[in-house]
Amino acid sequence: MAAPHAQILPFRYLFGPGPGNAYPEVMAALSYPVIGHLDPAFIDRLDRVSDGLRKVWGTENARTWPVSATGSGGMEAAFVNFVEPGDPVVVAVNGLFGQRMCEVARRCGAEVVRVDHVWGQPVDPERVLSAHPNPKIIAAVHAETSTGVRSDIAALGASKGDALLLVDAVTSIGGLELRADAWGIDIGYAGTQKCLGVPPGLAPFTVSERAFERRAKDPRSWYFDIGLLGGYVGAAEGHSRTYHHTAPVTMIAGLEAGLDRILAEGLSAVWARHEAAGAALREGLTHMGLELFAAEGHRLPSLTTVKVPEGVFSARVRQILLEQFSIEIGSGVGEFASTVWRIGLMGPNASPASVTLVLGALDEAIAAAR
């Protein structure tokens, strides 16, 4: 009998807010031999990954690489490298992750100017841009995971003035249109575990030259110091690298496979596939008589938020889905924890088969939970 720690876990259809299921090519790459983090073969892989990330970010930034951390680590790196005590930082808040931006900026000593919006609504660019006459940073979430809302980042970038535009693209990268250079994004962070179809553990990161020149001189984090990291990844070239940390070589192999998979399909085709899956899911949910949560016209294709019907116990439906169908969906966040479900169709799950499966299972689970 296998020891408990060797027990094989059940397969799950990960239709929640993340992580999602990984592309098969990614899971195969995770079985590659482990090599050293300064091995020339690994350095070549790291360079290829950084180049692939430039493509999915839509940037030419030399400093584009996978930070060895989750998306939350990417958020930390984004603020700690550019915020010094007293810096005015405007943060658009229309969900949980805007709130977290405020907290991270506060801990860096920023003068945080918080611009609150109703959850479920997109960011209002005019309100955000007029919140402070001369901010060092304007920060916003492109695809708010807690509410399923997409905001107009290009509008913020077009009128940012001297400010640096800092963007959370965790739920958009690899699944939604994202054009860092064209939209004026100076600092961007994301995660691998959603539309990129890679397990959690890396934070795709990009920094413009304009932002790099205005970075904090002595960041409070040694680990996330992009000046030090730049000698190992990003702006560095060739095999002569400055040792900084032991990179997660196996995860980076998986990310390479995920990027190769996406780029082989074509970014525009991948974006269209996510849009089609999201539209089909929304149509099916409304046909079932359910009400969508996020504002019409601003709904994410990769993550759909839907209101829990009256008289239905939200947690019981999620339990039935997990136990009977091996399907995971997410609950809402904060005051909406028991009144909203979050259904993600990301990476390989952005498909007609996934739409059919989750709609059928959800219909049966709701009926059983009444």
Protein backbone atom coordinates (compact mmCIF):
# COMPACT_ATOMS: atom_id res chain seq x y z
CA MET A 1 0.00 0.00 0.00
CA ALA A 2 1.34 3.43 -0.91
CA ALA A 3 2.21 5.72 1.94
CA PRO A 4 -0.24 8.63 2.47
CA HIS A 5 2.26 11.17 1.14
CA ALA A 6 2.49 9.23 -2.13
CA GLN A 7 -1.27 9.14 -2.68
CA ILE A 8 -2.33 10.15 -6.19
CA LEU A 9 -4.71 13.08 -6.08
CA PRO A 10 -7.91 13.06 -8.16
CA PHE A 11 -8.11 14.83 -11.48
CA ARG A 12 -10.07 18.08 -11.30
CA TYR A 13 -11.61 20.24 -13.98
CA LEU A 14 -10.32 23.58 -12.74
CA PHE A 15 -13.06 25.97 -13.80
CA GLY A 16 -12.52 28.45 -10.98
CA PRO A 17 -10.58 31.73 -10.84
CA GLY A 18 -7.24 29.92 -10.94
CA PRO A 19 -5.21 27.89 -11.11
CA GLY A 20 -6.63 26.41 -14.26
CA ASN A 21 -5.65 23.15 -15.91
CA ALA A 22 -2.30 23.22 -17.68
CA TYR A 23 -1.69 22.56 -21.36
CA PRO A 24 -0.52 18.94 -21.92
CA GLU A 25 2.73 20.17 -23.43
CA VAL A 26 3.44 21.99 -20.16
CA MET A 27 2.90 18.93 -18.00
CA ALA A 28 5.24 16.95 -20.26
CA ALA A 29 7.92 19.64 -19.94
CA LEU A 30 7.72 19.49 -16.15
CA SER A 31 9.20 15.98 -16.38
CA TYR A 32 12.34 17.18 -18.19
CA PRO A 33 15.66 16.51 -16.40
CA VAL A 34 16.64 19.08 -13.78
CA ILE A 35 19.66 21.13 -14.84
CA GLY A 36 21.65 23.84 -13.11
CA HIS A 37 20.39 27.40 -13.07
CA LEU A 38 23.68 28.64 -14.57
CA ASP A 39 23.99 25.84 -17.11
CA PRO A 40 24.34 27.33 -20.63
CA ALA A 41 21.42 25.17 -21.75
CA PHE A 42 19.22 26.69 -19.06
CA ILE A 43 20.38 30.23 -19.83
CA ASP A 44 19.35 29.65 -23.44
CA ARG A 45 15.95 28.46 -22.22
CA LEU A 46 15.58 31.49 -19.96
CA ASP A 47 16.34 33.79 -22.89
CA ARG A 48 13.76 32.02 -25.05
CA VAL A 49 11.18 32.33 -22.28
CA SER A 50 11.90 36.04 -21.86
CA ASP A 51 11.47 36.52 -25.60
CA GLY A 52 8.18 34.61 -25.54
CA LEU A 53 6.98 36.77 -22.67
CA ARG A 54 7.72 39.88 -24.70
CA LYS A 55 5.35 38.56 -27.34
CA VAL A 56 2.47 37.83 -24.95
CA TRP A 57 2.99 41.14 -23.16
CA GLY A 58 3.14 42.99 -26.48
CA THR A 59 6.40 44.73 -25.65
CA GLU A 60 9.98 45.26 -26.74
CA ASN A 61 11.14 45.83 -23.15
CA ALA A 62 14.56 44.28 -22.55
CA ARG A 63 13.63 43.80 -18.90
CA THR A 64 10.94 41.19 -19.40
CA TRP A 65 11.34 37.91 -17.57
CA PRO A 66 9.65 35.40 -15.23
CA VAL A 67 10.04 36.48 -11.61
CA SER A 68 10.59 33.45 -9.36
CA ALA A 69 7.37 33.92 -7.41
CA THR A 70 3.61 33.76 -7.82
CA GLY A 71 1.60 36.65 -9.22
CA SER A 72 1.41 38.18 -5.74
CA GLY A 73 5.21 38.20 -5.72
CA GLY A 74 5.06 40.04 -9.02
CA MET A 75 2.83 42.65 -7.38
CA GLU A 76 5.33 43.03 -4.56
CA ALA A 77 8.20 43.42 -7.04
CA ALA A 78 6.26 46.01 -9.03
CA PHE A 79 5.75 48.31 -6.07
CA VAL A 80 8.90 47.76 -4.05
CA ASN A 81 11.13 48.73 -6.97
CA PHE A 82 9.39 52.00 -7.79
CA VAL A 83 7.77 53.36 -4.63
CA GLU A 84 9.76 55.36 -2.11
CA PRO A 85 8.41 56.94 1.08
CA GLY A 86 6.11 59.85 0.32
CA ASP A 87 5.56 59.03 -3.35
CA PRO A 88 1.98 59.74 -4.46
CA VAL A 89 0.48 56.55 -5.90
CA VAL A 90 -3.02 56.57 -7.42
CA VAL A 91 -4.70 53.15 -7.29
CA ALA A 92 -7.91 52.29 -9.11
CA VAL A 93 -9.93 49.92 -6.92
CA ASN A 94 -12.82 47.93 -8.38
CA GLY A 95 -12.18 44.65 -6.60
CA LEU A 96 -9.96 42.67 -4.26
CA PHE A 97 -6.74 43.01 -6.21
CA GLY A 98 -6.98 46.78 -6.43
CA GLN A 99 -7.35 46.72 -2.66
CA ARG A 100 -4.19 44.62 -2.38
CA MET A 101 -2.32 47.11 -4.53
CA CYS A 102 -3.23 49.80 -2.00
CA GLU A 103 -1.92 47.72 0.88
CA VAL A 104 1.38 46.87 -0.83
CA ALA A 105 1.90 50.52 -1.81
CA ARG A 106 1.14 51.63 1.75
CA ARG A 107 3.75 49.26 3.15
CA CYS A 108 6.28 50.79 0.76
CA GLY A 109 5.57 54.19 2.31
CA ALA A 110 3.49 55.62 -0.51
CA GLU A 111 0.96 58.40 -0.21
CA VAL A 112 -1.87 56.19 -1.49
CA VAL A 113 -4.67 57.93 -3.38
CA ARG A 114 -7.40 55.32 -3.59
CA VAL A 115 -10.08 55.71 -6.28
CA ASP A 116 -12.93 53.37 -5.38
CA HIS A 117 -15.47 51.99 -7.83
CA VAL A 118 -18.52 49.80 -7.40
CA TRP A 119 -17.46 46.15 -7.56
CA GLY A 120 -18.60 44.67 -10.84
CA GLN A 121 -17.98 47.93 -12.71
CA PRO A 122 -14.90 48.83 -14.79
CA VAL A 123 -12.39 51.48 -13.80
CA ASP A 124 -13.38 55.04 -14.78
CA PRO A 125 -10.23 56.46 -16.45
CA GLU A 126 -11.27 60.10 -16.00
CA ARG A 127 -11.75 59.73 -12.24
CA VAL A 128 -8.44 57.90 -11.87
CA LEU A 129 -6.47 60.38 -13.99
CA SER A 130 -7.88 63.38 -12.13
CA ALA A 131 -7.34 61.95 -8.64
CA HIS A 132 -3.92 63.59 -8.15
CA PRO A 133 -2.17 66.38 -10.08
CA ASN A 134 1.24 64.71 -10.24
CA PRO A 135 1.39 61.07 -9.14
CA LYS A 136 4.55 59.03 -9.51
CA ILE A 137 2.48 55.91 -10.29
CA ILE A 138 -1.01 55.16 -11.56
CA ALA A 139 -1.95 51.54 -10.81
CA ALA A 140 -4.87 49.47 -12.08
CA VAL A 141 -5.97 45.89 -12.65
CA HIS A 142 -6.61 44.98 -16.28
CA ALA A 143 -8.75 41.91 -15.56
CA GLU A 144 -10.12 41.98 -12.01
CA THR A 145 -10.24 38.35 -10.88
CA SER A 146 -12.59 39.02 -7.97
CA THR A 147 -15.37 40.51 -10.10
CA GLY A 148 -14.82 39.32 -13.68
CA VAL A 149 -14.45 42.86 -15.07
CA ARG A 150 -12.11 44.15 -17.79
CA SER A 151 -10.96 47.78 -17.62
CA ASP A 152 -9.62 50.10 -20.31
CA ILE A 153 -5.88 50.27 -19.68
CA ALA A 154 -5.17 52.03 -22.97
CA ALA A 155 -7.24 55.04 -21.84
CA LEU A 156 -5.11 55.34 -18.69
CA GLY A 157 -1.89 55.06 -20.67
CA ALA A 158 -2.95 57.65 -23.23
CA SER A 159 -3.31 60.39 -20.60
CA LYS A 160 -0.91 59.29 -17.83
CA GLY A 161 1.40 62.27 -18.36
CA ASP A 162 4.65 61.93 -16.41
CA ALA A 163 3.27 59.14 -14.22
CA LEU A 164 4.36 55.52 -14.53
CA LEU A 165 1.48 53.17 -15.39
CA LEU A 166 1.58 49.97 -13.31
CA VAL A 167 -0.76 47.16 -14.38
CA ASP A 168 -1.90 43.82 -12.99
CA ALA A 169 -2.40 41.44 -15.96
CA VAL A 170 -2.65 38.19 -13.98
CA THR A 171 -5.99 37.08 -15.47
CA SER A 172 -5.48 38.59 -18.91
CA ILE A 173 -2.01 37.61 -20.12
CA GLY A 174 -2.14 34.84 -22.70
CA GLY A 175 -5.93 34.97 -23.07
CA LEU A 176 -7.01 38.55 -23.72
CA GLU A 177 -5.68 41.29 -25.94
CA LEU A 178 -2.70 42.81 -24.12
CA ARG A 179 -0.44 45.43 -25.71
CA ALA A 180 1.94 46.85 -23.11
CA ASP A 181 3.88 49.16 -25.41
CA ALA A 182 0.89 50.45 -27.39
CA TRP A 183 -1.12 51.04 -24.21
CA GLY A 184 1.68 52.79 -22.33
CA ILE A 185 2.20 50.19 -19.60
CA ASP A 186 5.48 50.95 -17.81
CA ILE A 187 5.43 48.22 -15.15
CA GLY A 188 3.46 45.02 -15.56
CA TYR A 189 3.15 41.81 -13.61
CA ALA A 190 1.13 38.66 -14.18
CA GLY A 191 0.88 34.99 -13.20
CA THR A 192 1.36 31.73 -15.05
CA GLN A 193 -1.58 29.79 -13.63
CA LYS A 194 -4.43 31.21 -15.64
CA CYS A 195 -4.64 31.86 -19.39
CA LEU A 196 -1.00 30.86 -19.96
CA GLY A 197 -1.99 27.30 -19.00
CA VAL A 198 1.01 26.76 -16.69
CA PRO A 199 0.94 25.78 -12.98
CA PRO A 200 1.38 28.58 -10.42
CA GLY A 201 4.84 29.62 -9.37
CA LEU A 202 6.14 32.27 -11.78
CA ALA A 203 5.25 35.93 -12.34
CA PRO A 204 5.76 37.23 -15.89
CA PHE A 205 7.15 40.73 -15.41
CA THR A 206 8.00 43.65 -17.70
CA VAL A 207 9.55 47.08 -17.10
CA SER A 208 10.01 49.88 -19.60
CA GLU A 209 13.31 51.74 -19.90
CA ARG A 210 11.47 54.88 -18.81
CA ALA A 211 10.41 53.18 -15.58
CA PHE A 212 13.76 51.52 -14.95
CA GLU A 213 15.47 54.91 -14.95
CA ARG A 214 13.08 56.03 -12.20
CA ARG A 215 13.34 52.97 -9.98
CA ALA A 216 13.96 53.17 -6.24
CA LYS A 217 17.67 53.53 -5.50
CA ASP A 218 17.67 51.07 -2.62
CA PRO A 219 14.57 48.82 -2.77
CA ARG A 220 13.39 47.40 0.53
CA SER A 221 13.50 43.91 -0.96
CA TRP A 222 16.82 42.36 -1.92
CA TYR A 223 15.15 39.36 -3.54
CA PHE A 224 12.92 41.43 -5.82
CA ASP A 225 15.49 44.13 -6.63
CA ILE A 226 15.24 44.39 -10.43
CA GLY A 227 18.62 46.09 -10.61
CA LEU A 228 20.22 42.93 -9.21
CA LEU A 229 17.92 40.62 -11.16
CA GLY A 230 18.85 42.38 -14.38
CA GLY A 231 22.33 40.92 -14.16
CA TYR A 232 20.86 37.43 -14.33
CA VAL A 233 17.77 37.74 -16.51
CA GLY A 234 16.01 40.30 -18.66
CA ALA A 235 18.53 42.86 -19.83
CA ALA A 236 21.50 40.50 -19.48
CA GLU A 237 22.87 38.84 -22.60
CA GLY A 238 25.08 35.84 -23.23
CA HIS A 239 26.12 33.12 -20.81
CA SER A 240 28.09 35.31 -18.41
CA ARG A 241 25.48 36.07 -15.77
CA THR A 242 25.68 37.45 -12.25
CA TYR A 243 24.38 34.90 -9.77
CA HIS A 244 21.33 36.19 -7.92
CA HIS A 245 19.19 33.23 -6.84
CA THR A 246 18.55 29.62 -7.77
CA ALA A 247 15.89 29.88 -10.42
CA PRO A 248 13.04 27.32 -10.53
CA VAL A 249 14.44 25.59 -13.60
CA THR A 250 11.64 23.05 -13.97
CA MET A 251 8.89 25.66 -13.77
CA ILE A 252 10.65 27.72 -16.41
CA ALA A 253 10.77 24.67 -18.67
CA GLY A 254 7.01 24.38 -18.22
CA LEU A 255 6.53 28.06 -19.01
CA GLU A 256 8.59 27.69 -22.17
CA ALA A 257 6.31 24.87 -23.31
CA GLY A 258 3.21 26.93 -22.53
CA LEU A 259 4.47 29.93 -24.46
CA ASP A 260 5.46 27.73 -27.39
CA ARG A 261 1.97 26.21 -27.39
CA ILE A 262 0.26 29.62 -27.37
CA LEU A 263 2.50 31.19 -29.99
CA ALA A 264 2.16 28.17 -32.29
CA GLU A 265 -1.62 28.60 -32.20
CA GLY A 266 -1.20 32.34 -32.68
CA LEU A 267 -1.96 35.05 -30.11
CA SER A 268 -4.95 36.40 -32.02
CA ALA A 269 -6.38 32.89 -32.33
CA VAL A 270 -5.90 32.25 -28.60
CA TRP A 271 -7.61 35.53 -27.74
CA ALA A 272 -10.49 34.63 -30.06
CA ARG A 273 -10.79 31.17 -28.50
CA HIS A 274 -11.13 32.68 -25.03
CA GLU A 275 -13.66 35.23 -26.29
CA ALA A 276 -15.76 32.50 -27.91
CA ALA A 277 -15.72 30.28 -24.82
CA GLY A 278 -16.65 33.18 -22.54
CA ALA A 279 -19.50 34.26 -24.81
CA ALA A 280 -20.88 30.71 -25.01
CA LEU A 281 -20.73 30.34 -21.24
CA ARG A 282 -22.54 33.62 -20.65
CA GLU A 283 -25.22 32.67 -23.17
CA GLY A 284 -25.71 29.30 -21.50
CA LEU A 285 -25.93 30.80 -18.01
CA THR A 286 -28.54 33.35 -19.04
CA HIS A 287 -30.49 30.60 -20.87
CA MET A 288 -30.59 28.77 -17.51
CA GLY A 289 -32.21 31.87 -16.00
CA LEU A 290 -29.11 33.00 -14.09
CA GLU A 291 -28.07 36.64 -13.78
CA LEU A 292 -24.54 37.76 -14.62
CA PHE A 293 -22.70 39.95 -12.10
CA ALA A 294 -20.15 42.01 -14.04
CA ALA A 295 -21.19 45.07 -16.04
CA GLU A 296 -22.33 44.30 -19.57
CA GLY A 297 -19.76 45.28 -22.16
CA HIS A 298 -16.90 44.85 -19.69
CA ARG A 299 -17.15 41.14 -18.86
CA LEU A 300 -14.04 39.00 -18.98
CA PRO A 301 -14.07 36.09 -21.39
CA SER A 302 -11.63 34.21 -19.16
CA LEU A 303 -13.60 34.60 -15.92
CA THR A 304 -17.37 34.87 -15.69
CA THR A 305 -19.15 36.02 -12.54
CA VAL A 306 -22.75 34.91 -12.04
CA LYS A 307 -25.20 35.53 -9.21
CA VAL A 308 -26.27 32.61 -7.04
CA PRO A 309 -30.04 32.03 -7.47
CA GLU A 310 -32.38 32.83 -4.61
CA GLY A 311 -32.94 29.87 -2.30
CA VAL A 312 -29.74 28.10 -3.36
CA PHE A 313 -26.89 27.50 -0.89
CA SER A 314 -23.77 28.50 -2.81
CA ALA A 315 -21.30 26.30 -0.94
CA ARG A 316 -23.52 23.22 -1.38
CA VAL A 317 -23.56 23.65 -5.16
CA ARG A 318 -19.78 23.94 -5.23
CA GLN A 319 -19.50 20.84 -3.04
CA ILE A 320 -21.73 18.83 -5.40
CA LEU A 321 -19.72 19.97 -8.41
CA LEU A 322 -16.48 18.90 -6.75
CA GLU A 323 -17.64 15.59 -5.31
CA GLN A 324 -19.88 14.35 -8.13
CA PHE A 325 -18.32 15.93 -11.21
CA SER A 326 -14.76 16.70 -10.07
CA ILE A 327 -15.35 20.30 -11.14
CA GLU A 328 -14.03 23.28 -9.23
CA ILE A 329 -15.63 26.71 -9.53
CA GLY A 330 -14.94 29.65 -7.25
CA SER A 331 -17.04 31.50 -4.75
CA GLY A 332 -17.32 35.26 -4.76
CA VAL A 333 -15.09 37.52 -2.70
CA GLY A 334 -15.80 39.72 0.32
CA GLU A 335 -19.44 40.71 0.65
CA PHE A 336 -20.22 38.59 -2.44
CA ALA A 337 -18.68 35.39 -1.06
CA SER A 338 -22.01 33.57 -0.84
CA THR A 339 -23.94 35.38 -3.57
CA VAL A 340 -21.63 35.07 -6.60
CA TRP A 341 -19.87 32.22 -8.39
CA ARG A 342 -16.71 32.71 -10.43
CA ILE A 343 -16.29 30.39 -13.41
CA GLY A 344 -12.99 30.45 -15.26
CA LEU A 345 -12.36 29.09 -18.75
CA MET A 346 -8.66 29.70 -19.15
CA GLY A 347 -5.84 28.20 -21.19
CA PRO A 348 -6.82 24.72 -22.40
CA ASN A 349 -10.20 25.08 -20.67
CA ALA A 350 -11.27 27.84 -23.08
CA SER A 351 -13.11 25.36 -25.30
CA PRO A 352 -16.65 24.35 -26.33
CA ALA A 353 -16.27 21.05 -24.47
CA SER A 354 -15.56 22.87 -21.19
CA VAL A 355 -18.59 25.12 -21.70
CA THR A 356 -20.88 22.14 -22.24
CA LEU A 357 -19.46 20.28 -19.25
CA VAL A 358 -19.71 23.10 -16.73
CA LEU A 359 -23.19 24.20 -17.83
CA GLY A 360 -24.60 20.69 -17.62
CA ALA A 361 -23.00 19.96 -14.26
CA LEU A 362 -24.03 23.31 -12.80
CA ASP A 363 -27.64 22.81 -13.86
CA GLU A 364 -27.74 19.42 -12.10
CA ALA A 365 -25.95 20.75 -8.99
CA ILE A 366 -28.37 23.67 -8.60
CA ALA A 367 -31.35 21.32 -8.89
CA ALA A 368 -29.84 18.98 -6.28
CA ALA A 369 -29.06 21.83 -3.89
CA ARG A 370 -32.54 23.37 -3.80
